[in-house]
PDB file of all heavy atoms in Angstrom:
ATOM      1  N   PRO A   1      77.912  20.244 -75.393  1.00  0.00           N
ATOM      2  CA  PRO A   1      78.218  19.457 -76.591  1.00  0.00           C
ATOM      3  C   PRO A   1      77.125  19.598 -77.652  1.00  0.00           C
ATOM      4  O   PRO A   1      75.978  19.870 -77.332  1.00  0.00           O
ATOM      5  CB  PRO A   1      78.286  18.027 -76.057  1.00  0.00           C
ATOM      6  CG  PRO A   1      77.369  18.037 -74.868  1.00  0.00           C
ATOM      7  CD  PRO A   1      77.559  19.384 -74.236  1.00  0.00           C
ATOM      8  N   GLU A   2      77.533  19.408 -78.909  1.00  0.00           N
ATOM      9  CA  GLU A   2      76.575  19.497 -80.005  1.00  0.00           C
ATOM     10  C   GLU A   2      75.544  18.373 -79.905  1.00  0.00           C
ATOM     11  O   GLU A   2      75.856  17.254 -79.505  1.00  0.00           O
ATOM     12  CB  GLU A   2      77.306  19.421 -81.351  1.00  0.00           C
ATOM     13  CG  GLU A   2      78.222  20.601 -81.593  1.00  0.00           C
ATOM     14  CD  GLU A   2      78.881  20.552 -82.960  1.00  0.00           C
ATOM     15  OE1 GLU A   2      78.709  19.525 -83.659  1.00  0.00           O
ATOM     16  OE2 GLU A   2      79.549  21.525 -83.341  1.00  0.00           O
ATOM     17  N   ILE A   3      74.297  18.684 -80.304  1.00  0.00           N
ATOM     18  CA  ILE A   3      73.177  17.770 -80.095  1.00  0.00           C
ATOM     19  C   ILE A   3      72.928  16.908 -81.331  1.00  0.00           C
ATOM     20  O   ILE A   3      72.841  17.409 -82.456  1.00  0.00           O
ATOM     21  CB  ILE A   3      71.902  18.565 -79.757  1.00  0.00           C
ATOM     22  CG1 ILE A   3      72.091  19.314 -78.431  1.00  0.00           C
ATOM     23  CG2 ILE A   3      70.681  17.651 -79.684  1.00  0.00           C
ATOM     24  CD1 ILE A   3      70.974  20.279 -78.118  1.00  0.00           C
ATOM     25  N   SER A   4      72.789  15.608 -81.112  1.00  0.00           N
ATOM     26  CA  SER A   4      72.377  14.695 -82.186  1.00  0.00           C
ATOM     27  C   SER A   4      70.918  15.011 -82.539  1.00  0.00           C
ATOM     28  O   SER A   4      70.062  15.082 -81.649  1.00  0.00           O
ATOM     29  CB  SER A   4      72.503  13.241 -81.736  1.00  0.00           C
ATOM     30  OG  SER A   4      73.849  12.905 -81.486  1.00  0.00           O
ATOM     31  N   SER A   5      70.652  15.201 -83.825  1.00  0.00           N
ATOM     32  CA  SER A   5      69.301  15.620 -84.213  1.00  0.00           C
ATOM     33  C   SER A   5      69.047  15.284 -85.673  1.00  0.00           C
ATOM     34  O   SER A   5      69.933  14.812 -86.396  1.00  0.00           O
ATOM     35  CB  SER A   5      69.123  17.122 -83.989  1.00  0.00           C
ATOM     36  OG  SER A   5      70.002  17.861 -84.827  1.00  0.00           O
ATOM     37  N   PHE A   6      67.821  15.562 -86.090  1.00  0.00           N
ATOM     38  CA  PHE A   6      67.397  15.311 -87.470  1.00  0.00           C
ATOM     39  C   PHE A   6      67.158  16.652 -88.153  1.00  0.00           C
ATOM     40  O   PHE A   6      66.482  17.529 -87.610  1.00  0.00           O
ATOM     41  CB  PHE A   6      66.127  14.464 -87.491  1.00  0.00           C
ATOM     42  CG  PHE A   6      66.321  13.115 -86.868  1.00  0.00           C
ATOM     43  CD1 PHE A   6      66.257  12.956 -85.489  1.00  0.00           C
ATOM     44  CD2 PHE A   6      66.603  12.006 -87.652  1.00  0.00           C
ATOM     45  CE1 PHE A   6      66.456  11.720 -84.899  1.00  0.00           C
ATOM     46  CE2 PHE A   6      66.814  10.767 -87.076  1.00  0.00           C
ATOM     47  CZ  PHE A   6      66.742  10.624 -85.694  1.00  0.00           C
ATOM     48  N   SER A   7      67.696  16.790 -89.341  1.00  0.00           N
ATOM     49  CA  SER A   7      67.609  18.086 -90.015  1.00  0.00           C
ATOM     50  C   SER A   7      66.943  17.966 -91.377  1.00  0.00           C
ATOM     51  O   SER A   7      66.929  16.904 -92.002  1.00  0.00           O
ATOM     52  CB  SER A   7      69.004  18.696 -90.186  1.00  0.00           C
ATOM     53  OG  SER A   7      69.790  17.891 -91.059  1.00  0.00           O
ATOM     54  N   MET A   8      66.390  19.084 -91.801  1.00  0.00           N
ATOM     55  CA  MET A   8      65.768  19.188 -93.110  1.00  0.00           C
ATOM     56  C   MET A   8      65.981  20.620 -93.577  1.00  0.00           C
ATOM     57  O   MET A   8      65.914  21.558 -92.775  1.00  0.00           O
ATOM     58  CB  MET A   8      64.275  18.868 -93.009  1.00  0.00           C
ATOM     59  CG  MET A   8      63.540  18.756 -94.327  1.00  0.00           C
ATOM     60  SD  MET A   8      61.796  18.285 -94.094  1.00  0.00           S
ATOM     61  CE  MET A   8      61.962  16.606 -93.485  1.00  0.00           C
ATOM     62  N   ASP A   9      66.244  20.808 -94.858  1.00  0.00           N
ATOM     63  CA  ASP A   9      66.441  22.149 -95.401  1.00  0.00           C
ATOM     64  C   ASP A   9      65.082  22.831 -95.531  1.00  0.00           C
ATOM     65  O   ASP A   9      64.411  22.724 -96.554  1.00  0.00           O
ATOM     66  CB  ASP A   9      67.139  22.063 -96.759  1.00  0.00           C
ATOM     67  CG  ASP A   9      67.548  23.430 -97.297  1.00  0.00           C
ATOM     68  OD1 ASP A   9      67.025  24.443 -96.810  1.00  0.00           O
ATOM     69  OD2 ASP A   9      68.382  23.471 -98.225  1.00  0.00           O
ATOM     70  N   MET A  10      64.663  23.531 -94.476  1.00  0.00           N
ATOM     71  CA  MET A  10      63.341  24.138 -94.468  1.00  0.00           C
ATOM     72  C   MET A  10      63.251  25.331 -95.417  1.00  0.00           C
ATOM     73  O   MET A  10      62.171  25.664 -95.908  1.00  0.00           O
ATOM     74  CB  MET A  10      62.964  24.552 -93.050  1.00  0.00           C
ATOM     75  CG  MET A  10      62.833  23.384 -92.084  1.00  0.00           C
ATOM     76  SD  MET A  10      61.632  22.129 -92.635  1.00  0.00           S
ATOM     77  CE  MET A  10      60.089  23.005 -92.400  1.00  0.00           C
ATOM     78  N   PHE A  11      64.375  25.983 -95.679  1.00  0.00           N
ATOM     79  CA  PHE A  11      64.379  27.044 -96.701  1.00  0.00           C
ATOM     80  C   PHE A  11      63.988  26.451 -98.057  1.00  0.00           C
ATOM     81  O   PHE A  11      63.179  27.019 -98.790  1.00  0.00           O
ATOM     82  CB  PHE A  11      65.760  27.691 -96.777  1.00  0.00           C
ATOM     83  CG  PHE A  11      65.840  28.862 -97.718  1.00  0.00           C
ATOM     84  CD1 PHE A  11      65.664  30.160 -97.252  1.00  0.00           C
ATOM     85  CD2 PHE A  11      66.094  28.677 -99.074  1.00  0.00           C
ATOM     86  CE1 PHE A  11      65.736  31.247 -98.123  1.00  0.00           C
ATOM     87  CE2 PHE A  11      66.164  29.739 -99.946  1.00  0.00           C
ATOM     88  CZ  PHE A  11      65.980  31.035 -99.473  1.00  0.00           C
ATOM     89  N   LYS A  12      64.543  25.284 -98.349  1.00  0.00           N
ATOM     90  CA  LYS A  12      64.213  24.590 -99.595  1.00  0.00           C
ATOM     91  C   LYS A  12      62.743  24.182 -99.620  1.00  0.00           C
ATOM     92  O   LYS A  12      62.086  24.293-100.659  1.00  0.00           O
ATOM     93  CB  LYS A  12      65.106  23.362 -99.751  1.00  0.00           C
ATOM     94  CG  LYS A  12      64.853  22.551-101.019  1.00  0.00           C
ATOM     95  CD  LYS A  12      65.787  21.355-101.079  1.00  0.00           C
ATOM     96  CE  LYS A  12      65.522  20.508-102.321  1.00  0.00           C
ATOM     97  NZ  LYS A  12      66.421  19.328-102.366  1.00  0.00           N
ATOM     98  N   VAL A  13      62.232  23.713 -98.485  1.00  0.00           N
ATOM     99  CA  VAL A  13      60.815  23.332 -98.401  1.00  0.00           C
ATOM    100  C   VAL A  13      59.932  24.525 -98.762  1.00  0.00           C
ATOM    101  O   VAL A  13      58.988  24.407 -99.551  1.00  0.00           O
ATOM    102  CB  VAL A  13      60.463  22.814 -96.996  1.00  0.00           C
ATOM    103  CG1 VAL A  13      58.953  22.642 -96.842  1.00  0.00           C
ATOM    104  CG2 VAL A  13      61.170  21.490 -96.725  1.00  0.00           C
ATOM    105  N   GLY A  14      60.230  25.685 -98.178  1.00  0.00           N
ATOM    106  CA  GLY A  14      59.453  26.885 -98.481  1.00  0.00           C
ATOM    107  C   GLY A  14      59.554  27.290 -99.932  1.00  0.00           C
ATOM    108  O   GLY A  14      58.556  27.695-100.551  1.00  0.00           O
ATOM    109  N   SER A  15      60.748  27.181-100.497  1.00  0.00           N
ATOM    110  CA  SER A  15      60.950  27.538-101.906  1.00  0.00           C
ATOM    111  C   SER A  15      60.135  26.632-102.824  1.00  0.00           C
ATOM    112  O   SER A  15      59.470  27.103-103.757  1.00  0.00           O
ATOM    113  CB  SER A  15      62.438  27.417-102.262  1.00  0.00           C
ATOM    114  OG  SER A  15      63.235  28.268-101.464  1.00  0.00           O
ATOM    115  N   ILE A  16      60.189  25.336-102.561  1.00  0.00           N
ATOM    116  CA  ILE A  16      59.438  24.377-103.371  1.00  0.00           C
ATOM    117  C   ILE A  16      57.941  24.658-103.282  1.00  0.00           C
ATOM    118  O   ILE A  16      57.218  24.602-104.283  1.00  0.00           O
ATOM    119  CB  ILE A  16      59.745  22.934-102.934  1.00  0.00           C
ATOM    120  CG1 ILE A  16      61.194  22.567-103.274  1.00  0.00           C
ATOM    121  CG2 ILE A  16      58.785  21.941-103.599  1.00  0.00           C
ATOM    122  CD1 ILE A  16      61.626  21.222-102.725  1.00  0.00           C
ATOM    123  N   ALA A  17      57.473  24.978-102.080  1.00  0.00           N
ATOM    124  CA  ALA A  17      56.038  25.202-101.879  1.00  0.00           C
ATOM    125  C   ALA A  17      55.519  26.330-102.755  1.00  0.00           C
ATOM    126  O   ALA A  17      54.474  26.207-103.408  1.00  0.00           O
ATOM    127  CB  ALA A  17      55.761  25.501-100.408  1.00  0.00           C
ATOM    128  N   VAL A  18      56.238  27.449-102.797  1.00  0.00           N
ATOM    129  CA  VAL A  18      55.760  28.588-103.588  1.00  0.00           C
ATOM    130  C   VAL A  18      55.911  28.319-105.079  1.00  0.00           C
ATOM    131  O   VAL A  18      55.062  28.724-105.884  1.00  0.00           O
ATOM    132  CB  VAL A  18      56.498  29.881-103.183  1.00  0.00           C
ATOM    133  CG1 VAL A  18      56.091  31.049-104.084  1.00  0.00           C
ATOM    134  CG2 VAL A  18      56.180  30.225-101.738  1.00  0.00           C
ATOM    135  N   ARG A  19      56.950  27.609-105.475  1.00  0.00           N
ATOM    136  CA  ARG A  19      57.088  27.254-106.894  1.00  0.00           C
ATOM    137  C   ARG A  19      55.958  26.322-107.329  1.00  0.00           C
ATOM    138  O   ARG A  19      55.435  26.442-108.445  1.00  0.00           O
ATOM    139  CB  ARG A  19      58.451  26.604-107.153  1.00  0.00           C
ATOM    140  CG  ARG A  19      59.625  27.563-106.966  1.00  0.00           C
ATOM    141  CD  ARG A  19      60.946  26.950-107.383  1.00  0.00           C
ATOM    142  NE  ARG A  19      62.065  27.789-107.017  1.00  0.00           N
ATOM    143  CZ  ARG A  19      62.484  28.841-107.707  1.00  0.00           C
ATOM    144  NH1 ARG A  19      61.845  29.179-108.814  1.00  0.00           N
ATOM    145  NH2 ARG A  19      63.519  29.546-107.290  1.00  0.00           N
ATOM    146  N   MET A  20      55.577  25.397-106.468  1.00  0.00           N
ATOM    147  CA  MET A  20      54.454  24.515-106.779  1.00  0.00           C
ATOM    148  C   MET A  20      53.161  25.326-106.905  1.00  0.00           C
ATOM    149  O   MET A  20      52.340  25.086-107.799  1.00  0.00           O
ATOM    150  CB  MET A  20      54.295  23.452-105.690  1.00  0.00           C
ATOM    151  CG  MET A  20      55.383  22.400-105.671  1.00  0.00           C
ATOM    152  SD  MET A  20      55.210  21.256-104.250  1.00  0.00           S
ATOM    153  CE  MET A  20      53.702  20.378-104.701  1.00  0.00           C
ATOM    154  N   LEU A  21      52.983  26.289-106.014  1.00  0.00           N
ATOM    155  CA  LEU A  21      51.784  27.122-106.070  1.00  0.00           C
ATOM    156  C   LEU A  21      51.746  27.932-107.357  1.00  0.00           C
ATOM    157  O   LEU A  21      50.685  28.099-107.970  1.00  0.00           O
ATOM    158  CB  LEU A  21      51.733  28.058-104.861  1.00  0.00           C
ATOM    159  CG  LEU A  21      50.508  28.969-104.777  1.00  0.00           C
ATOM    160  CD1 LEU A  21      49.228  28.144-104.671  1.00  0.00           C
ATOM    161  CD2 LEU A  21      50.632  29.921-103.583  1.00  0.00           C
ATOM    162  N   THR A  22      52.897  28.410-107.790  1.00  0.00           N
ATOM    163  CA  THR A  22      52.972  29.167-109.040  1.00  0.00           C
ATOM    164  C   THR A  22      52.461  28.349-110.210  1.00  0.00           C
ATOM    165  O   THR A  22      51.736  28.853-111.079  1.00  0.00           O
ATOM    166  CB  THR A  22      54.429  29.610-109.300  1.00  0.00           C
ATOM    167  OG1 THR A  22      54.840  30.496-108.271  1.00  0.00           O
ATOM    168  CG2 THR A  22      54.558  30.319-110.638  1.00  0.00           C
ATOM    169  N   LYS A  23      52.809  27.066-110.232  1.00  0.00           N
ATOM    170  CA  LYS A  23      52.344  26.198-111.318  1.00  0.00           C
ATOM    171  C   LYS A  23      50.841  25.984-111.258  1.00  0.00           C
ATOM    172  O   LYS A  23      50.177  25.911-112.294  1.00  0.00           O
ATOM    173  CB  LYS A  23      53.097  24.869-111.279  1.00  0.00           C
ATOM    174  CG  LYS A  23      54.582  25.020-111.624  1.00  0.00           C
ATOM    175  CD  LYS A  23      55.339  23.714-111.490  1.00  0.00           C
ATOM    176  CE  LYS A  23      56.811  23.900-111.853  1.00  0.00           C
ATOM    177  NZ  LYS A  23      57.598  22.657-111.711  1.00  0.00           N
ATOM    178  N   LEU A  24      50.298  25.892-110.051  1.00  0.00           N
ATOM    179  CA  LEU A  24      48.848  25.770-109.929  1.00  0.00           C
ATOM    180  C   LEU A  24      48.145  27.039-110.404  1.00  0.00           C
ATOM    181  O   LEU A  24      47.066  26.980-110.986  1.00  0.00           O
ATOM    182  CB  LEU A  24      48.454  25.497-108.472  1.00  0.00           C
ATOM    183  CG  LEU A  24      48.769  24.123-107.901  1.00  0.00           C
ATOM    184  CD1 LEU A  24      48.262  24.025-106.462  1.00  0.00           C
ATOM    185  CD2 LEU A  24      48.152  23.006-108.730  1.00  0.00           C
ATOM    186  N   LEU A  25      48.755  28.176-110.152  1.00  0.00           N
ATOM    187  CA  LEU A  25      48.142  29.451-110.513  1.00  0.00           C
ATOM    188  C   LEU A  25      48.210  29.740-112.004  1.00  0.00           C
ATOM    189  O   LEU A  25      47.322  30.380-112.559  1.00  0.00           O
ATOM    190  CB  LEU A  25      48.830  30.600-109.756  1.00  0.00           C
ATOM    191  CG  LEU A  25      48.545  30.714-108.257  1.00  0.00           C
ATOM    192  CD1 LEU A  25      49.524  31.685-107.618  1.00  0.00           C
ATOM    193  CD2 LEU A  25      47.114  31.170-108.020  1.00  0.00           C
ATOM    194  N   ASN A  26      49.257  29.259-112.649  1.00  0.00           N
ATOM    195  CA  ASN A  26      49.517  29.691-114.013  1.00  0.00           C
ATOM    196  C   ASN A  26      49.349  28.636-115.091  1.00  0.00           C
ATOM    197  O   ASN A  26      49.309  28.981-116.267  1.00  0.00           O
ATOM    198  CB  ASN A  26      50.947  30.243-114.106  1.00  0.00           C
ATOM    199  CG  ASN A  26      51.081  31.554-113.378  1.00  0.00           C
ATOM    200  OD1 ASN A  26      50.682  32.604-113.871  1.00  0.00           O
ATOM    201  ND2 ASN A  26      51.611  31.511-112.168  1.00  0.00           N
ATOM    202  N   GLU A  27      49.273  27.365-114.729  1.00  0.00           N
ATOM    203  CA  GLU A  27      49.239  26.338-115.757  1.00  0.00           C
ATOM    204  C   GLU A  27      48.280  25.218-115.373  1.00  0.00           C
ATOM    205  O   GLU A  27      47.725  25.199-114.276  1.00  0.00           O
ATOM    206  CB  GLU A  27      50.648  25.746-115.962  1.00  0.00           C
ATOM    207  CG  GLU A  27      51.680  26.791-116.378  1.00  0.00           C
ATOM    208  CD  GLU A  27      53.062  26.191-116.503  1.00  0.00           C
ATOM    209  OE1 GLU A  27      53.173  24.957-116.596  1.00  0.00           O
ATOM    210  OE2 GLU A  27      54.029  26.961-116.501  1.00  0.00           O
ATOM    211  N   ASP A  28      48.125  24.253-116.266  1.00  0.00           N
ATOM    212  CA  ASP A  28      47.322  23.065-115.998  1.00  0.00           C
ATOM    213  C   ASP A  28      48.074  22.195-115.003  1.00  0.00           C
ATOM    214  O   ASP A  28      49.095  21.593-115.328  1.00  0.00           O
ATOM    215  CB  ASP A  28      47.078  22.293-117.293  1.00  0.00           C
ATOM    216  CG  ASP A  28      46.274  21.025-117.066  1.00  0.00           C
ATOM    217  OD1 ASP A  28      45.821  20.774-115.929  1.00  0.00           O
ATOM    218  OD2 ASP A  28      46.083  20.293-118.051  1.00  0.00           O
ATOM    219  N   SER A  29      47.575  22.119-113.765  1.00  0.00           N
ATOM    220  CA  SER A  29      48.288  21.417-112.707  1.00  0.00           C
ATOM    221  C   SER A  29      48.421  19.918-112.964  1.00  0.00           C
ATOM    222  O   SER A  29      49.240  19.247-112.358  1.00  0.00           O
ATOM    223  CB  SER A  29      47.565  21.633-111.364  1.00  0.00           C
ATOM    224  OG  SER A  29      46.263  21.097-111.416  1.00  0.00           O
ATOM    225  N   SER A  30      47.619  19.379-113.863  1.00  0.00           N
ATOM    226  CA  SER A  30      47.659  17.937-114.095  1.00  0.00           C
ATOM    227  C   SER A  30      48.972  17.482-114.721  1.00  0.00           C
ATOM    228  O   SER A  30      49.300  16.306-114.698  1.00  0.00           O
ATOM    229  CB  SER A  30      46.487  17.524-115.005  1.00  0.00           C
ATOM    230  OG  SER A  30      46.616  18.116-116.288  1.00  0.00           O
ATOM    231  N   THR A  31      49.736  18.418-115.278  1.00  0.00           N
ATOM    232  CA  THR A  31      50.991  18.062-115.938  1.00  0.00           C
ATOM    233  C   THR A  31      52.183  18.134-114.989  1.00  0.00           C
ATOM    234  O   THR A  31      53.304  17.923-115.401  1.00  0.00           O
ATOM    235  CB  THR A  31      51.244  18.985-117.142  1.00  0.00           C
ATOM    236  OG1 THR A  31      51.387  20.335-116.661  1.00  0.00           O
ATOM    237  CG2 THR A  31      50.103  18.916-118.129  1.00  0.00           C
ATOM    238  N   HIS A  32      51.939  18.438-113.729  1.00  0.00           N
ATOM    239  CA  HIS A  32      53.044  18.657-112.811  1.00  0.00           C
ATOM    240  C   HIS A  32      52.956  17.737-111.599  1.00  0.00           C
ATOM    241  O   HIS A  32      51.881  17.298-111.208  1.00  0.00           O
ATOM    242  CB  HIS A  32      53.070  20.118-112.337  1.00  0.00           C
ATOM    243  CG  HIS A  32      53.269  21.105-113.456  1.00  0.00           C
ATOM    244  ND1 HIS A  32      54.454  21.273-114.106  1.00  0.00           N
ATOM    245  CD2 HIS A  32      52.383  21.938-114.043  1.00  0.00           C
ATOM    246  CE1 HIS A  32      54.313  22.192-115.052  1.00  0.00           C
ATOM    247  NE2 HIS A  32      53.059  22.601-115.036  1.00  0.00           N
ATOM    248  N   GLN A  33      54.140  17.482-110.999  1.00  0.00           N
ATOM    249  CA  GLN A  33      54.183  16.685-109.782  1.00  0.00           C
ATOM    250  C   GLN A  33      53.454  17.424-108.668  1.00  0.00           C
ATOM    251  O   GLN A  33      53.715  18.595-108.402  1.00  0.00           O
ATOM    252  CB  GLN A  33      55.643  16.449-109.380  1.00  0.00           C
ATOM    253  CG  GLN A  33      55.817  15.555-108.168  1.00  0.00           C
ATOM    254  CD  GLN A  33      57.279  15.282-107.884  1.00  0.00           C
ATOM    255  OE1 GLN A  33      58.151  15.591-108.683  1.00  0.00           O
ATOM    256  NE2 GLN A  33      57.549  14.713-106.722  1.00  0.00           N
ATOM    257  N   LYS A  34      52.539  16.724-108.001  1.00  0.00           N
ATOM    258  CA  LYS A  34      51.726  17.369-106.983  1.00  0.00           C
ATOM    259  C   LYS A  34      52.136  17.009-105.557  1.00  0.00           C
ATOM    260  O   LYS A  34      51.644  17.615-104.610  1.00  0.00           O
ATOM    261  CB  LYS A  34      50.246  17.000-107.176  1.00  0.00           C
ATOM    262  CG  LYS A  34      49.623  17.612-108.426  1.00  0.00           C
ATOM    263  CD  LYS A  34      48.151  17.258-108.481  1.00  0.00           C
ATOM    264  CE  LYS A  34      47.504  17.865-109.713  1.00  0.00           C
ATOM    265  NZ  LYS A  34      46.074  17.494-109.806  1.00  0.00           N
ATOM    266  N   THR A  35      53.016  16.032-105.416  1.00  0.00           N
ATOM    267  CA  THR A  35      53.450  15.630-104.084  1.00  0.00           C
ATOM    268  C   THR A  35      54.964  15.493-104.042  1.00  0.00           C
ATOM    269  O   THR A  35      55.547  14.808-104.882  1.00  0.00           O
ATOM    270  CB  THR A  35      52.810  14.290-103.672  1.00  0.00           C
ATOM    271  OG1 THR A  35      51.390  14.411-103.697  1.00  0.00           O
ATOM    272  CG2 THR A  35      53.248  13.908-102.266  1.00  0.00           C
ATOM    273  N   PHE A  36      55.583  16.174-103.080  1.00  0.00           N
ATOM    274  CA  PHE A  36      57.013  16.043-102.837  1.00  0.00           C
ATOM    275  C   PHE A  36      57.215  15.425-101.458  1.00  0.00           C
ATOM    276  O   PHE A  36      56.534  15.793-100.495  1.00  0.00           O
ATOM    277  CB  PHE A  36      57.702  17.416-102.876  1.00  0.00           C
ATOM    278  CG  PHE A  36      58.036  17.890-104.256  1.00  0.00           C
ATOM    279  CD1 PHE A  36      57.075  18.526-105.030  1.00  0.00           C
ATOM    280  CD2 PHE A  36      59.297  17.708-104.797  1.00  0.00           C
ATOM    281  CE1 PHE A  36      57.358  18.976-106.305  1.00  0.00           C
ATOM    282  CE2 PHE A  36      59.602  18.143-106.068  1.00  0.00           C
ATOM    283  CZ  PHE A  36      58.628  18.781-106.831  1.00  0.00           C
TER     284      PHE A  36
END
């Protein structure tokens, strides 16, 4: 039987992480959200 569990879109987590890093690399990080 299928298992009851907790899920999270980890592909999305990875995508957000690199986009956040891009902003740190290219712009003033103080203008952007730093915690998701």
